[in-house]
PDB file of N, CA and C in Angstrom:
ATOM      1  N   MET A   1      51.449 -52.637 -16.301  1.00  0.00           N
ATOM      2  CA  MET A   1      50.212 -52.067 -15.840  1.00  0.00           C
ATOM      3  C   MET A   1      49.193 -53.182 -15.666  1.00  0.00           C
ATOM      4  N   ARG A   2      48.478 -53.134 -14.576  1.00  0.00           N
ATOM      5  CA  ARG A   2      47.418 -54.101 -14.325  1.00  0.00           C
ATOM      6  C   ARG A   2      46.076 -53.439 -14.653  1.00  0.00           C
ATOM      7  N   TYR A   3      45.406 -53.949 -15.650  1.00  0.00           N
ATOM      8  CA  TYR A   3      44.147 -53.341 -16.061  1.00  0.00           C
ATOM      9  C   TYR A   3      43.080 -53.446 -14.981  1.00  0.00           C
ATOM     10  N   ASN A   4      43.214 -54.407 -14.079  1.00  0.00           N
ATOM     11  CA  ASN A   4      42.250 -54.523 -12.988  1.00  0.00           C
ATOM     12  C   ASN A   4      42.472 -53.454 -11.921  1.00  0.00           C
ATOM     13  N   ALA A   5      43.536 -52.665 -12.038  1.00  0.00           N
ATOM     14  CA  ALA A   5      43.837 -51.638 -11.044  1.00  0.00           C
ATOM     15  C   ALA A   5      43.499 -50.231 -11.539  1.00  0.00           C
ATOM     16  N   ILE A   6      42.715 -50.135 -12.594  1.00  0.00           N
ATOM     17  CA  ILE A   6      42.326 -48.830 -13.114  1.00  0.00           C
ATOM     18  C   ILE A   6      41.054 -48.388 -12.392  1.00  0.00           C
ATOM     19  N   PRO A   7      41.120 -47.283 -11.651  1.00  0.00           N
ATOM     20  CA  PRO A   7      39.944 -46.839 -10.902  1.00  0.00           C
ATOM     21  C   PRO A   7      38.895 -46.207 -11.815  1.00  0.00           C
ATOM     22  N   SER A   8      37.651 -46.318 -11.383  1.00  0.00           N
ATOM     23  CA  SER A   8      36.573 -45.640 -12.100  1.00  0.00           C
ATOM     24  C   SER A   8      35.740 -44.853 -11.101  1.00  0.00           C
ATOM     25  N   VAL A   9      35.150 -43.777 -11.582  1.00  0.00           N
ATOM     26  CA  VAL A   9      34.363 -42.893 -10.729  1.00  0.00           C
ATOM     27  C   VAL A   9      33.093 -42.499 -11.473  1.00  0.00           C
ATOM     28  N   ILE A  10      31.996 -42.462 -10.745  1.00  0.00           N
ATOM     29  CA  ILE A  10      30.752 -41.911 -11.258  1.00  0.00           C
ATOM     30  C   ILE A  10      30.487 -40.664 -10.432  1.00  0.00           C
ATOM     31  N   TYR A  11      30.445 -39.531 -11.121  1.00  0.00           N
ATOM     32  CA  TYR A  11      30.310 -38.243 -10.443  1.00  0.00           C
ATOM     33  C   TYR A  11      28.845 -37.906 -10.206  1.00  0.00           C
ATOM     34  N   THR A  12      28.272 -38.606  -9.246  1.00  0.00           N
ATOM     35  CA  THR A  12      26.914 -38.334  -8.804  1.00  0.00           C
ATOM     36  C   THR A  12      27.003 -37.802  -7.387  1.00  0.00           C
ATOM     37  N   ASN A  13      25.881 -37.626  -6.749  1.00  0.00           N
ATOM     38  CA  ASN A  13      25.901 -37.203  -5.353  1.00  0.00           C
ATOM     39  C   ASN A  13      25.061 -38.174  -4.548  1.00  0.00           C
ATOM     40  N   PRO A  14      25.672 -39.100  -3.824  1.00  0.00           N
ATOM     41  CA  PRO A  14      27.100 -39.206  -3.568  1.00  0.00           C
ATOM     42  C   PRO A  14      27.844 -39.846  -4.744  1.00  0.00           C
ATOM     43  N   GLU A  15      29.154 -39.700  -4.734  1.00  0.00           N
ATOM     44  CA  GLU A  15      29.992 -40.275  -5.780  1.00  0.00           C
ATOM     45  C   GLU A  15      30.111 -41.786  -5.592  1.00  0.00           C
ATOM     46  N   VAL A  16      30.461 -42.452  -6.678  1.00  0.00           N
ATOM     47  CA  VAL A  16      30.741 -43.879  -6.649  1.00  0.00           C
ATOM     48  C   VAL A  16      32.162 -44.065  -7.156  1.00  0.00           C
ATOM     49  N   GLY A  17      32.967 -44.822  -6.412  1.00  0.00           N
ATOM     50  CA  GLY A  17      34.332 -45.118  -6.823  1.00  0.00           C
ATOM     51  C   GLY A  17      34.559 -46.616  -6.776  1.00  0.00           C
ATOM     52  N   ALA A  18      35.297 -47.136  -7.744  1.00  0.00           N
ATOM     53  CA  ALA A  18      35.546 -48.576  -7.790  1.00  0.00           C
ATOM     54  C   ALA A  18      36.900 -48.857  -8.416  1.00  0.00           C
ATOM     55  N   VAL A  19      37.498 -49.924  -7.941  1.00  0.00           N
ATOM     56  CA  VAL A  19      38.734 -50.423  -8.545  1.00  0.00           C
ATOM     57  C   VAL A  19      38.815 -51.915  -8.283  1.00  0.00           C
ATOM     58  N   GLY A  20      39.318 -52.642  -9.248  1.00  0.00           N
ATOM     59  CA  GLY A  20      39.569 -54.065  -9.057  1.00  0.00           C
ATOM     60  C   GLY A  20      38.335 -54.928  -9.192  1.00  0.00           C
ATOM     61  N   GLU A  21      38.453 -56.108  -8.617  1.00  0.00           N
ATOM     62  CA  GLU A  21      37.407 -57.121  -8.717  1.00  0.00           C
ATOM     63  C   GLU A  21      36.195 -56.763  -7.868  1.00  0.00           C
ATOM     64  N   THR A  22      35.034 -57.191  -8.329  1.00  0.00           N
ATOM     65  CA  THR A  22      33.846 -57.187  -7.495  1.00  0.00           C
ATOM     66  C   THR A  22      33.823 -58.532  -6.777  1.00  0.00           C
ATOM     67  N   GLU A  23      32.964 -58.657  -5.815  1.00  0.00           N
ATOM     68  CA  GLU A  23      32.837 -59.938  -5.123  1.00  0.00           C
ATOM     69  C   GLU A  23      32.466 -61.038  -6.117  1.00  0.00           C
ATOM     70  N   ALA A  24      31.522 -60.757  -7.004  1.00  0.00           N
ATOM     71  CA  ALA A  24      31.072 -61.750  -7.976  1.00  0.00           C
ATOM     72  C   ALA A  24      32.175 -62.114  -8.974  1.00  0.00           C
ATOM     73  N   SER A  25      32.887 -61.112  -9.489  1.00  0.00           N
ATOM     74  CA  SER A  25      33.936 -61.408 -10.485  1.00  0.00           C
ATOM     75  C   SER A  25      35.103 -62.171  -9.858  1.00  0.00           C
ATOM     76  N   ALA A  26      35.432 -61.848  -8.607  1.00  0.00           N
ATOM     77  CA  ALA A  26      36.517 -62.565  -7.925  1.00  0.00           C
ATOM     78  C   ALA A  26      36.147 -64.029  -7.715  1.00  0.00           C
ATOM     79  N   LYS A  27      34.925 -64.267  -7.284  1.00  0.00           N
ATOM     80  CA  LYS A  27      34.478 -65.649  -7.080  1.00  0.00           C
ATOM     81  C   LYS A  27      34.413 -66.411  -8.398  1.00  0.00           C
ATOM     82  N   ALA A  28      33.979 -65.736  -9.469  1.00  0.00           N
ATOM     83  CA  ALA A  28      33.914 -66.369 -10.781  1.00  0.00           C
ATOM     84  C   ALA A  28      35.294 -66.763 -11.286  1.00  0.00           C
ATOM     85  N   LYS A  29      36.315 -66.043 -10.847  1.00  0.00           N
ATOM     86  CA  LYS A  29      37.695 -66.357 -11.238  1.00  0.00           C
ATOM     87  C   LYS A  29      38.341 -67.374 -10.305  1.00  0.00           C
ATOM     88  N   GLY A  30      37.595 -67.836  -9.313  1.00  0.00           N
ATOM     89  CA  GLY A  30      38.098 -68.876  -8.431  1.00  0.00           C
ATOM     90  C   GLY A  30      38.791 -68.404  -7.172  1.00  0.00           C
ATOM     91  N   TYR A  31      38.740 -67.117  -6.896  1.00  0.00           N
ATOM     92  CA  TYR A  31      39.357 -66.606  -5.670  1.00  0.00           C
ATOM     93  C   TYR A  31      38.506 -66.983  -4.455  1.00  0.00           C
ATOM     94  N   ASP A  32      39.169 -67.319  -3.369  1.00  0.00           N
ATOM     95  CA  ASP A  32      38.514 -67.483  -2.075  1.00  0.00           C
ATOM     96  C   ASP A  32      38.609 -66.115  -1.413  1.00  0.00           C
ATOM     97  N   VAL A  33      37.466 -65.429  -1.279  1.00  0.00           N
ATOM     98  CA  VAL A  33      37.498 -64.044  -0.840  1.00  0.00           C
ATOM     99  C   VAL A  33      36.824 -63.842   0.506  1.00  0.00           C
ATOM    100  N   GLU A  34      37.273 -62.794   1.175  1.00  0.00           N
ATOM    101  CA  GLU A  34      36.576 -62.254   2.328  1.00  0.00           C
ATOM    102  C   GLU A  34      36.161 -60.845   1.946  1.00  0.00           C
ATOM    103  N   VAL A  35      34.947 -60.495   2.304  1.00  0.00           N
ATOM    104  CA  VAL A  35      34.405 -59.190   1.956  1.00  0.00           C
ATOM    105  C   VAL A  35      34.099 -58.432   3.241  1.00  0.00           C
ATOM    106  N   VAL A  36      34.574 -57.205   3.308  1.00  0.00           N
ATOM    107  CA  VAL A  36      34.298 -56.337   4.451  1.00  0.00           C
ATOM    108  C   VAL A  36      33.486 -55.153   3.956  1.00  0.00           C
ATOM    109  N   ASN A  37      32.348 -54.938   4.576  1.00  0.00           N
ATOM    110  CA  ASN A  37      31.498 -53.772   4.298  1.00  0.00           C
ATOM    111  C   ASN A  37      31.503 -52.887   5.531  1.00  0.00           C
ATOM    112  N   LEU A  38      31.835 -51.622   5.334  1.00  0.00           N
ATOM    113  CA  LEU A  38      31.806 -50.672   6.449  1.00  0.00           C
ATOM    114  C   LEU A  38      31.027 -49.437   6.052  1.00  0.00           C
ATOM    115  N   THR A  39      30.348 -48.883   7.005  1.00  0.00           N
ATOM    116  CA  THR A  39      29.699 -47.598   6.804  1.00  0.00           C
ATOM    117  C   THR A  39      30.762 -46.504   6.837  1.00  0.00           C
ATOM    118  N   MET A  40      30.511 -45.455   6.112  1.00  0.00           N
ATOM    119  CA  MET A  40      31.437 -44.331   6.127  1.00  0.00           C
ATOM    120  C   MET A  40      31.417 -43.615   7.468  1.00  0.00           C
ATOM    121  N   ASN A  41      30.464 -43.953   8.301  1.00  0.00           N
ATOM    122  CA  ASN A  41      30.391 -43.352   9.632  1.00  0.00           C
ATOM    123  C   ASN A  41      31.571 -43.760  10.514  1.00  0.00           C
ATOM    124  N   TYR A  42      32.411 -44.688  10.058  1.00  0.00           N
ATOM    125  CA  TYR A  42      33.643 -45.009  10.777  1.00  0.00           C
ATOM    126  C   TYR A  42      34.620 -43.833  10.736  1.00  0.00           C
ATOM    127  N   SER A  43      34.400 -42.916   9.816  1.00  0.00           N
ATOM    128  CA  SER A  43      35.251 -41.732   9.691  1.00  0.00           C
ATOM    129  C   SER A  43      34.559 -40.549  10.361  1.00  0.00           C
ATOM    130  N   GLY A  44      35.130 -40.094  11.458  1.00  0.00           N
ATOM    131  CA  GLY A  44      34.576 -38.935  12.151  1.00  0.00           C
ATOM    132  C   GLY A  44      34.511 -37.711  11.264  1.00  0.00           C
ATOM    133  N   ARG A  45      35.508 -37.530  10.432  1.00  0.00           N
ATOM    134  CA  ARG A  45      35.507 -36.372   9.537  1.00  0.00           C
ATOM    135  C   ARG A  45      34.367 -36.463   8.535  1.00  0.00           C
ATOM    136  N   TYR A  46      34.122 -37.663   8.022  1.00  0.00           N
ATOM    137  CA  TYR A  46      33.020 -37.842   7.084  1.00  0.00           C
ATOM    138  C   TYR A  46      31.701 -37.456   7.749  1.00  0.00           C
ATOM    139  N   VAL A  47      31.510 -37.909   8.965  1.00  0.00           N
ATOM    140  CA  VAL A  47      30.287 -37.601   9.706  1.00  0.00           C
ATOM    141  C   VAL A  47      30.164 -36.096   9.916  1.00  0.00           C
ATOM    142  N   ALA A  48      31.268 -35.451  10.284  1.00  0.00           N
ATOM    143  CA  ALA A  48      31.245 -34.012  10.552  1.00  0.00           C
ATOM    144  C   ALA A  48      30.952 -33.189   9.297  1.00  0.00           C
ATOM    145  N   GLU A  49      31.415 -33.651   8.147  1.00  0.00           N
ATOM    146  CA  GLU A  49      31.278 -32.872   6.924  1.00  0.00           C
ATOM    147  C   GLU A  49      30.084 -33.274   6.061  1.00  0.00           C
ATOM    148  N   ASN A  50      29.390 -34.325   6.438  1.00  0.00           N
ATOM    149  CA  ASN A  50      28.268 -34.819   5.633  1.00  0.00           C
ATOM    150  C   ASN A  50      27.058 -35.070   6.523  1.00  0.00           C
ATOM    151  N   GLU A  51      26.559 -34.006   7.087  1.00  0.00           N
ATOM    152  CA  GLU A  51      25.435 -34.122   8.020  1.00  0.00           C
ATOM    153  C   GLU A  51      24.275 -34.863   7.358  1.00  0.00           C
ATOM    154  N   GLY A  52      23.856 -35.926   8.016  1.00  0.00           N
ATOM    155  CA  GLY A  52      22.751 -36.717   7.497  1.00  0.00           C
ATOM    156  C   GLY A  52      23.148 -37.629   6.356  1.00  0.00           C
ATOM    157  N   GLY A  53      24.373 -37.531   5.900  1.00  0.00           N
ATOM    158  CA  GLY A  53      24.826 -38.374   4.797  1.00  0.00           C
ATOM    159  C   GLY A  53      25.386 -39.680   5.298  1.00  0.00           C
ATOM    160  N   ASN A  54      25.374 -40.637   4.469  1.00  0.00           N
ATOM    161  CA  ASN A  54      25.973 -41.919   4.791  1.00  0.00           C
ATOM    162  C   ASN A  54      26.579 -42.467   3.515  1.00  0.00           C
ATOM    163  N   GLY A  55      27.397 -43.418   3.660  1.00  0.00           N
ATOM    164  CA  GLY A  55      28.020 -44.059   2.523  1.00  0.00           C
ATOM    165  C   GLY A  55      28.559 -45.398   2.967  1.00  0.00           C
ATOM    166  N   ILE A  56      29.090 -46.134   2.007  1.00  0.00           N
ATOM    167  CA  ILE A  56      29.641 -47.446   2.320  1.00  0.00           C
ATOM    168  C   ILE A  56      30.956 -47.644   1.591  1.00  0.00           C
ATOM    169  N   VAL A  57      31.764 -48.508   2.140  1.00  0.00           N
ATOM    170  CA  VAL A  57      32.971 -48.966   1.469  1.00  0.00           C
ATOM    171  C   VAL A  57      32.987 -50.490   1.564  1.00  0.00           C
ATOM    172  N   LYS A  58      33.347 -51.120   0.465  1.00  0.00           N
ATOM    173  CA  LYS A  58      33.403 -52.578   0.388  1.00  0.00           C
ATOM    174  C   LYS A  58      34.799 -52.958  -0.076  1.00  0.00           C
ATOM    175  N   VAL A  59      35.462 -53.792   0.698  1.00  0.00           N
ATOM    176  CA  VAL A  59      36.811 -54.230   0.364  1.00  0.00           C
ATOM    177  C   VAL A  59      36.776 -55.738   0.138  1.00  0.00           C
ATOM    178  N   ILE A  60      37.311 -56.174  -1.009  1.00  0.00           N
ATOM    179  CA  ILE A  60      37.361 -57.592  -1.359  1.00  0.00           C
ATOM    180  C   ILE A  60      38.802 -58.050  -1.230  1.00  0.00           C
ATOM    181  N   VAL A  61      39.016 -59.086  -0.414  1.00  0.00           N
ATOM    182  CA  VAL A  61      40.370 -59.561  -0.101  1.00  0.00           C
ATOM    183  C   VAL A  61      40.529 -61.008  -0.539  1.00  0.00           C
ATOM    184  N   ASP A  62      41.650 -61.310  -1.167  1.00  0.00           N
ATOM    185  CA  ASP A  62      42.029 -62.672  -1.527  1.00  0.00           C
ATOM    186  C   ASP A  62      42.578 -63.356  -0.275  1.00  0.00           C
ATOM    187  N   LYS A  63      41.869 -64.358   0.238  1.00  0.00           N
ATOM    188  CA  LYS A  63      42.273 -65.015   1.483  1.00  0.00           C
ATOM    189  C   LYS A  63      43.566 -65.821   1.325  1.00  0.00           C
ATOM    190  N   LYS A  64      43.808 -66.359   0.135  1.00  0.00           N
ATOM    191  CA  LYS A  64      45.002 -67.182  -0.076  1.00  0.00           C
ATOM    192  C   LYS A  64      46.280 -66.359   0.014  1.00  0.00           C
ATOM    193  N   TYR A  65      46.304 -65.222  -0.673  1.00  0.00           N
ATOM    194  CA  TYR A  65      47.513 -64.395  -0.706  1.00  0.00           C
ATOM    195  C   TYR A  65      47.428 -63.171   0.197  1.00  0.00           C
ATOM    196  N   ASN A  66      46.286 -62.994   0.862  1.00  0.00           N
ATOM    197  CA  ASN A  66      46.149 -61.930   1.852  1.00  0.00           C
ATOM    198  C   ASN A  66      46.387 -60.548   1.235  1.00  0.00           C
ATOM    199  N   ARG A  67      45.690 -60.291   0.108  1.00  0.00           N
ATOM    200  CA  ARG A  67      45.870 -59.006  -0.562  1.00  0.00           C
ATOM    201  C   ARG A  67      44.524 -58.473  -1.052  1.00  0.00           C
ATOM    202  N   VAL A  68      44.474 -57.181  -1.283  1.00  0.00           N
ATOM    203  CA  VAL A  68      43.250 -56.520  -1.727  1.00  0.00           C
ATOM    204  C   VAL A  68      43.046 -56.773  -3.217  1.00  0.00           C
ATOM    205  N   LEU A  69      41.861 -57.283  -3.552  1.00  0.00           N
ATOM    206  CA  LEU A  69      41.504 -57.511  -4.950  1.00  0.00           C
ATOM    207  C   LEU A  69      40.639 -56.388  -5.515  1.00  0.00           C
ATOM    208  N   GLY A  70      39.863 -55.730  -4.632  1.00  0.00           N
ATOM    209  CA  GLY A  70      38.983 -54.679  -5.107  1.00  0.00           C
ATOM    210  C   GLY A  70      38.455 -53.828  -3.969  1.00  0.00           C
ATOM    211  N   VAL A  71      38.101 -52.603  -4.294  1.00  0.00           N
ATOM    212  CA  VAL A  71      37.487 -51.673  -3.348  1.00  0.00           C
ATOM    213  C   VAL A  71      36.394 -50.921  -4.103  1.00  0.00           C
ATOM    214  N   HIS A  72      35.230 -50.820  -3.463  1.00  0.00           N
ATOM    215  CA  HIS A  72      34.091 -50.141  -4.058  1.00  0.00           C
ATOM    216  C   HIS A  72      33.469 -49.258  -2.991  1.00  0.00           C
ATOM    217  N   MET A  73      33.131 -48.049  -3.349  1.00  0.00           N
ATOM    218  CA  MET A  73      32.568 -47.134  -2.360  1.00  0.00           C
ATOM    219  C   MET A  73      31.506 -46.236  -2.960  1.00  0.00           C
ATOM    220  N   ILE A  74      30.540 -45.930  -2.122  1.00  0.00           N
ATOM    221  CA  ILE A  74      29.516 -44.946  -2.446  1.00  0.00           C
ATOM    222  C   ILE A  74      29.589 -43.917  -1.332  1.00  0.00           C
ATOM    223  N   ALA A  75      30.069 -42.734  -1.670  1.00  0.00           N
ATOM    224  CA  ALA A  75      30.252 -41.694  -0.651  1.00  0.00           C
ATOM    225  C   ALA A  75      30.789 -40.431  -1.303  1.00  0.00           C
ATOM    226  N   ASN A  76      30.490 -39.299  -0.687  1.00  0.00           N
ATOM    227  CA  ASN A  76      31.191 -38.094  -1.090  1.00  0.00           C
ATOM    228  C   ASN A  76      32.677 -38.353  -0.850  1.00  0.00           C
ATOM    229  N   TYR A  77      33.511 -37.804  -1.666  1.00  0.00           N
ATOM    230  CA  TYR A  77      34.967 -37.993  -1.623  1.00  0.00           C
ATOM    231  C   TYR A  77      35.450 -39.274  -2.314  1.00  0.00           C
ATOM    232  N   ALA A  78      34.563 -40.135  -2.779  1.00  0.00           N
ATOM    233  CA  ALA A  78      35.010 -41.393  -3.393  1.00  0.00           C
ATOM    234  C   ALA A  78      36.027 -41.143  -4.505  1.00  0.00           C
ATOM    235  N   SER A  79      35.817 -40.086  -5.288  1.00  0.00           N
ATOM    236  CA  SER A  79      36.746 -39.789  -6.381  1.00  0.00           C
ATOM    237  C   SER A  79      38.123 -39.390  -5.873  1.00  0.00           C
ATOM    238  N   GLU A  80      38.192 -38.871  -4.673  1.00  0.00           N
ATOM    239  CA  GLU A  80      39.461 -38.437  -4.095  1.00  0.00           C
ATOM    240  C   GLU A  80      40.173 -39.562  -3.349  1.00  0.00           C
ATOM    241  N   ILE A  81      39.468 -40.625  -3.034  1.00  0.00           N
ATOM    242  CA  ILE A  81      40.020 -41.703  -2.211  1.00  0.00           C
ATOM    243  C   ILE A  81      40.388 -42.934  -3.032  1.00  0.00           C
ATOM    244  N   ILE A  82      39.686 -43.177  -4.121  1.00  0.00           N
ATOM    245  CA  ILE A  82      39.816 -44.450  -4.823  1.00  0.00           C
ATOM    246  C   ILE A  82      41.219 -44.671  -5.389  1.00  0.00           C
ATOM    247  N   TYR A  83      41.968 -43.595  -5.625  1.00  0.00           N
ATOM    248  CA  TYR A  83      43.330 -43.772  -6.151  1.00  0.00           C
ATOM    249  C   TYR A  83      44.201 -44.559  -5.169  1.00  0.00           C
ATOM    250  N   GLY A  84      44.018 -44.331  -3.876  1.00  0.00           N
ATOM    251  CA  GLY A  84      44.795 -45.064  -2.873  1.00  0.00           C
ATOM    252  C   GLY A  84      44.466 -46.537  -2.900  1.00  0.00           C
ATOM    253  N   ALA A  85      43.193 -46.842  -3.082  1.00  0.00           N
ATOM    254  CA  ALA A  85      42.778 -48.240  -3.208  1.00  0.00           C
ATOM    255  C   ALA A  85      43.355 -48.850  -4.485  1.00  0.00           C
ATOM    256  N   ALA A  86      43.424 -48.045  -5.551  1.00  0.00           N
ATOM    257  CA  ALA A  86      44.006 -48.533  -6.807  1.00  0.00           C
ATOM    258  C   ALA A  86      45.474 -48.907  -6.611  1.00  0.00           C
ATOM    259  N   MET A  87      46.183 -48.139  -5.813  1.00  0.00           N
ATOM    260  CA  MET A  87      47.587 -48.479  -5.538  1.00  0.00           C
ATOM    261  C   MET A  87      47.691 -49.782  -4.753  1.00  0.00           C
ATOM    262  N   MET A  88      46.734 -50.028  -3.859  1.00  0.00           N
ATOM    263  CA  MET A  88      46.734 -51.288  -3.109  1.00  0.00           C
ATOM    264  C   MET A  88      46.552 -52.471  -4.051  1.00  0.00           C
ATOM    265  N   VAL A  89      45.662 -52.321  -5.018  1.00  0.00           N
ATOM    266  CA  VAL A  89      45.438 -53.388  -5.996  1.00  0.00           C
ATOM    267  C   VAL A  89      46.645 -53.514  -6.923  1.00  0.00           C
ATOM    268  N   GLU A  90      47.153 -52.397  -7.415  1.00  0.00           N
ATOM    269  CA  GLU A  90      48.278 -52.395  -8.357  1.00  0.00           C
ATOM    270  C   GLU A  90      49.540 -53.025  -7.770  1.00  0.00           C
ATOM    271  N   THR A  91      49.871 -52.681  -6.542  1.00  0.00           N
ATOM    272  CA  THR A  91      51.127 -53.154  -5.957  1.00  0.00           C
ATOM    273  C   THR A  91      51.036 -54.547  -5.355  1.00  0.00           C
ATOM    274  N   GLU A  92      49.813 -55.051  -5.186  1.00  0.00           N
ATOM    275  CA  GLU A  92      49.588 -56.380  -4.618  1.00  0.00           C
ATOM    276  C   GLU A  92      50.236 -56.546  -3.244  1.00  0.00           C
ATOM    277  N   MET A  93      50.259 -55.473  -2.475  1.00  0.00           N
ATOM    278  CA  MET A  93      50.808 -55.547  -1.119  1.00  0.00           C
ATOM    279  C   MET A  93      49.924 -56.439  -0.257  1.00  0.00           C
ATOM    280  N   THR A  94      50.539 -57.116   0.705  1.00  0.00           N
ATOM    281  CA  THR A  94      49.770 -57.941   1.626  1.00  0.00           C
ATOM    282  C   THR A  94      49.058 -57.053   2.642  1.00  0.00           C
ATOM    283  N   LEU A  95      48.049 -57.607   3.292  1.00  0.00           N
ATOM    284  CA  LEU A  95      47.339 -56.851   4.318  1.00  0.00           C
ATOM    285  C   LEU A  95      48.273 -56.458   5.451  1.00  0.00           C
ATOM    286  N   ASP A  96      49.187 -57.353   5.812  1.00  0.00           N
ATOM    287  CA  ASP A  96      50.132 -57.030   6.881  1.00  0.00           C
ATOM    288  C   ASP A  96      50.943 -55.793   6.531  1.00  0.00           C
ATOM    289  N   SER A  97      51.387 -55.691   5.287  1.00  0.00           N
ATOM    290  CA  SER A  97      52.154 -54.514   4.859  1.00  0.00           C
ATOM    291  C   SER A  97      51.270 -53.276   4.811  1.00  0.00           C
ATOM    292  N   LEU A  98      50.045 -53.420   4.319  1.00  0.00           N
ATOM    293  CA  LEU A  98      49.136 -52.278   4.238  1.00  0.00           C
ATOM    294  C   LEU A  98      48.778 -51.751   5.618  1.00  0.00           C
ATOM    295  N   LYS A  99      48.679 -52.627   6.585  1.00  0.00           N
ATOM    296  CA  LYS A  99      48.325 -52.210   7.945  1.00  0.00           C
ATOM    297  C   LYS A  99      49.438 -51.393   8.603  1.00  0.00           C
ATOM    298  N   GLU A 100      50.633 -51.445   8.059  1.00  0.00           N
ATOM    299  CA  GLU A 100      51.740 -50.666   8.599  1.00  0.00           C
ATOM    300  C   GLU A 100      51.766 -49.236   8.066  1.00  0.00           C
ATOM    301  N   ILE A 101      50.971 -48.956   7.041  1.00  0.00           N
ATOM    302  CA  ILE A 101      50.935 -47.619   6.463  1.00  0.00           C
ATOM    303  C   ILE A 101      50.168 -46.690   7.398  1.00  0.00           C
ATOM    304  N   VAL A 102      50.724 -45.527   7.637  1.00  0.00           N
ATOM    305  CA  VAL A 102      50.075 -44.538   8.495  1.00  0.00           C
ATOM    306  C   VAL A 102      49.186 -43.659   7.621  1.00  0.00           C
ATOM    307  N   PHE A 103      47.906 -43.630   7.943  1.00  0.00           N
ATOM    308  CA  PHE A 103      46.963 -42.764   7.258  1.00  0.00           C
ATOM    309  C   PHE A 103      46.865 -41.459   8.042  1.00  0.00           C
ATOM    310  N   PRO A 104      46.796 -40.323   7.372  1.00  0.00           N
ATOM    311  CA  PRO A 104      46.650 -39.066   8.104  1.00  0.00           C
ATOM    312  C   PRO A 104      45.313 -39.032   8.838  1.00  0.00           C
ATOM    313  N   HIS A 105      45.306 -38.355   9.964  1.00  0.00           N
ATOM    314  CA  HIS A 105      44.100 -38.292  10.796  1.00  0.00           C
ATOM    315  C   HIS A 105      43.799 -36.847  11.170  1.00  0.00           C
ATOM    316  N   PRO A 106      42.620 -36.388  11.080  1.00  0.00           N
ATOM    317  CA  PRO A 106      41.421 -37.107  10.635  1.00  0.00           C
ATOM    318  C   PRO A 106      41.227 -36.952   9.126  1.00  0.00           C
ATOM    319  N   THR A 107      41.036 -38.053   8.456  1.00  0.00           N
ATOM    320  CA  THR A 107      40.728 -38.039   7.026  1.00  0.00           C
ATOM    321  C   THR A 107      39.620 -39.036   6.748  1.00  0.00           C
ATOM    322  N   VAL A 108      38.970 -38.841   5.640  1.00  0.00           N
ATOM    323  CA  VAL A 108      37.897 -39.741   5.251  1.00  0.00           C
ATOM    324  C   VAL A 108      38.465 -41.080   4.775  1.00  0.00           C
ATOM    325  N   CYS A 109      39.633 -41.060   4.154  1.00  0.00           N
ATOM    326  CA  CYS A 109      40.212 -42.294   3.623  1.00  0.00           C
ATOM    327  C   CYS A 109      40.561 -43.313   4.705  1.00  0.00           C
ATOM    328  N   GLU A 110      40.573 -42.891   5.937  1.00  0.00           N
ATOM    329  CA  GLU A 110      40.857 -43.828   7.032  1.00  0.00           C
ATOM    330  C   GLU A 110      39.846 -44.976   7.085  1.00  0.00           C
ATOM    331  N   VAL A 111      38.705 -44.789   6.480  1.00  0.00           N
ATOM    332  CA  VAL A 111      37.703 -45.846   6.492  1.00  0.00           C
ATOM    333  C   VAL A 111      38.235 -47.099   5.775  1.00  0.00           C
ATOM    334  N   ILE A 112      39.079 -46.919   4.769  1.00  0.00           N
ATOM    335  CA  ILE A 112      39.669 -48.081   4.090  1.00  0.00           C
ATOM    336  C   ILE A 112      40.615 -48.807   5.045  1.00  0.00           C
ATOM    337  N   ARG A 113      41.395 -48.062   5.783  1.00  0.00           N
ATOM    338  CA  ARG A 113      42.295 -48.676   6.770  1.00  0.00           C
ATOM    339  C   ARG A 113      41.482 -49.443   7.812  1.00  0.00           C
ATOM    340  N   GLU A 114      40.385 -48.851   8.274  1.00  0.00           N
ATOM    341  CA  GLU A 114      39.524 -49.535   9.231  1.00  0.00           C
ATOM    342  C   GLU A 114      39.004 -50.848   8.653  1.00  0.00           C
ATOM    343  N   ALA A 115      38.645 -50.830   7.386  1.00  0.00           N
ATOM    344  CA  ALA A 115      38.149 -52.049   6.728  1.00  0.00           C
ATOM    345  C   ALA A 115      39.238 -53.123   6.695  1.00  0.00           C
ATOM    346  N   LEU A 116      40.488 -52.721   6.447  1.00  0.00           N
ATOM    347  CA  LEU A 116      41.579 -53.702   6.410  1.00  0.00           C
ATOM    348  C   LEU A 116      41.744 -54.395   7.760  1.00  0.00           C
ATOM    349  N   PHE A 117      41.521 -53.653   8.820  1.00  0.00           N
ATOM    350  CA  PHE A 117      41.657 -54.235  10.155  1.00  0.00           C
ATOM    351  C   PHE A 117      40.460 -55.090  10.543  1.00  0.00           C
ATOM    352  N   GLU A 118      39.393 -55.054   9.751  1.00  0.00           N
ATOM    353  CA  GLU A 118      38.215 -55.898   9.993  1.00  0.00           C
ATOM    354  C   GLU A 118      38.368 -57.275   9.353  1.00  0.00           C
ATOM    355  N   VAL A 119      39.339 -57.429   8.451  1.00  0.00           N
ATOM    356  CA  VAL A 119      39.549 -58.728   7.789  1.00  0.00           C
ATOM    357  C   VAL A 119      40.034 -59.734   8.826  1.00  0.00           C
ATOM    358  N   LYS A 120      39.418 -60.880   8.836  1.00  0.00           N
ATOM    359  CA  LYS A 120      39.774 -61.912   9.816  1.00  0.00           C
ATOM    360  C   LYS A 120      40.918 -62.770   9.373  1.00  0.00           C
TER     361      LYS A 120
END
């Protein structure tokens, strides 16, 4: 078990979900990271179900090994989505492998997939 892959949730409105390293903790550990911030408005379903609402997702990627180190989100549904991000951290899959996973459409969790495709 990787203790850095244990998800946490704050049940507020909107919810907060987090797993893995933060940008600051990853840098403090010596990782060379790329950080992608996306609005939840990348998810059409999120927009349709959260009128006037907005949220964010932040994905921290290890540039050396091309894998997800952490995911943090503020949005309704964060508690329902963060487990998938926890599996990405736990399994240490590369971005190339993660990009091959088919996400159901339309779903709110697709915003994480969109973030993976934003990594340079």
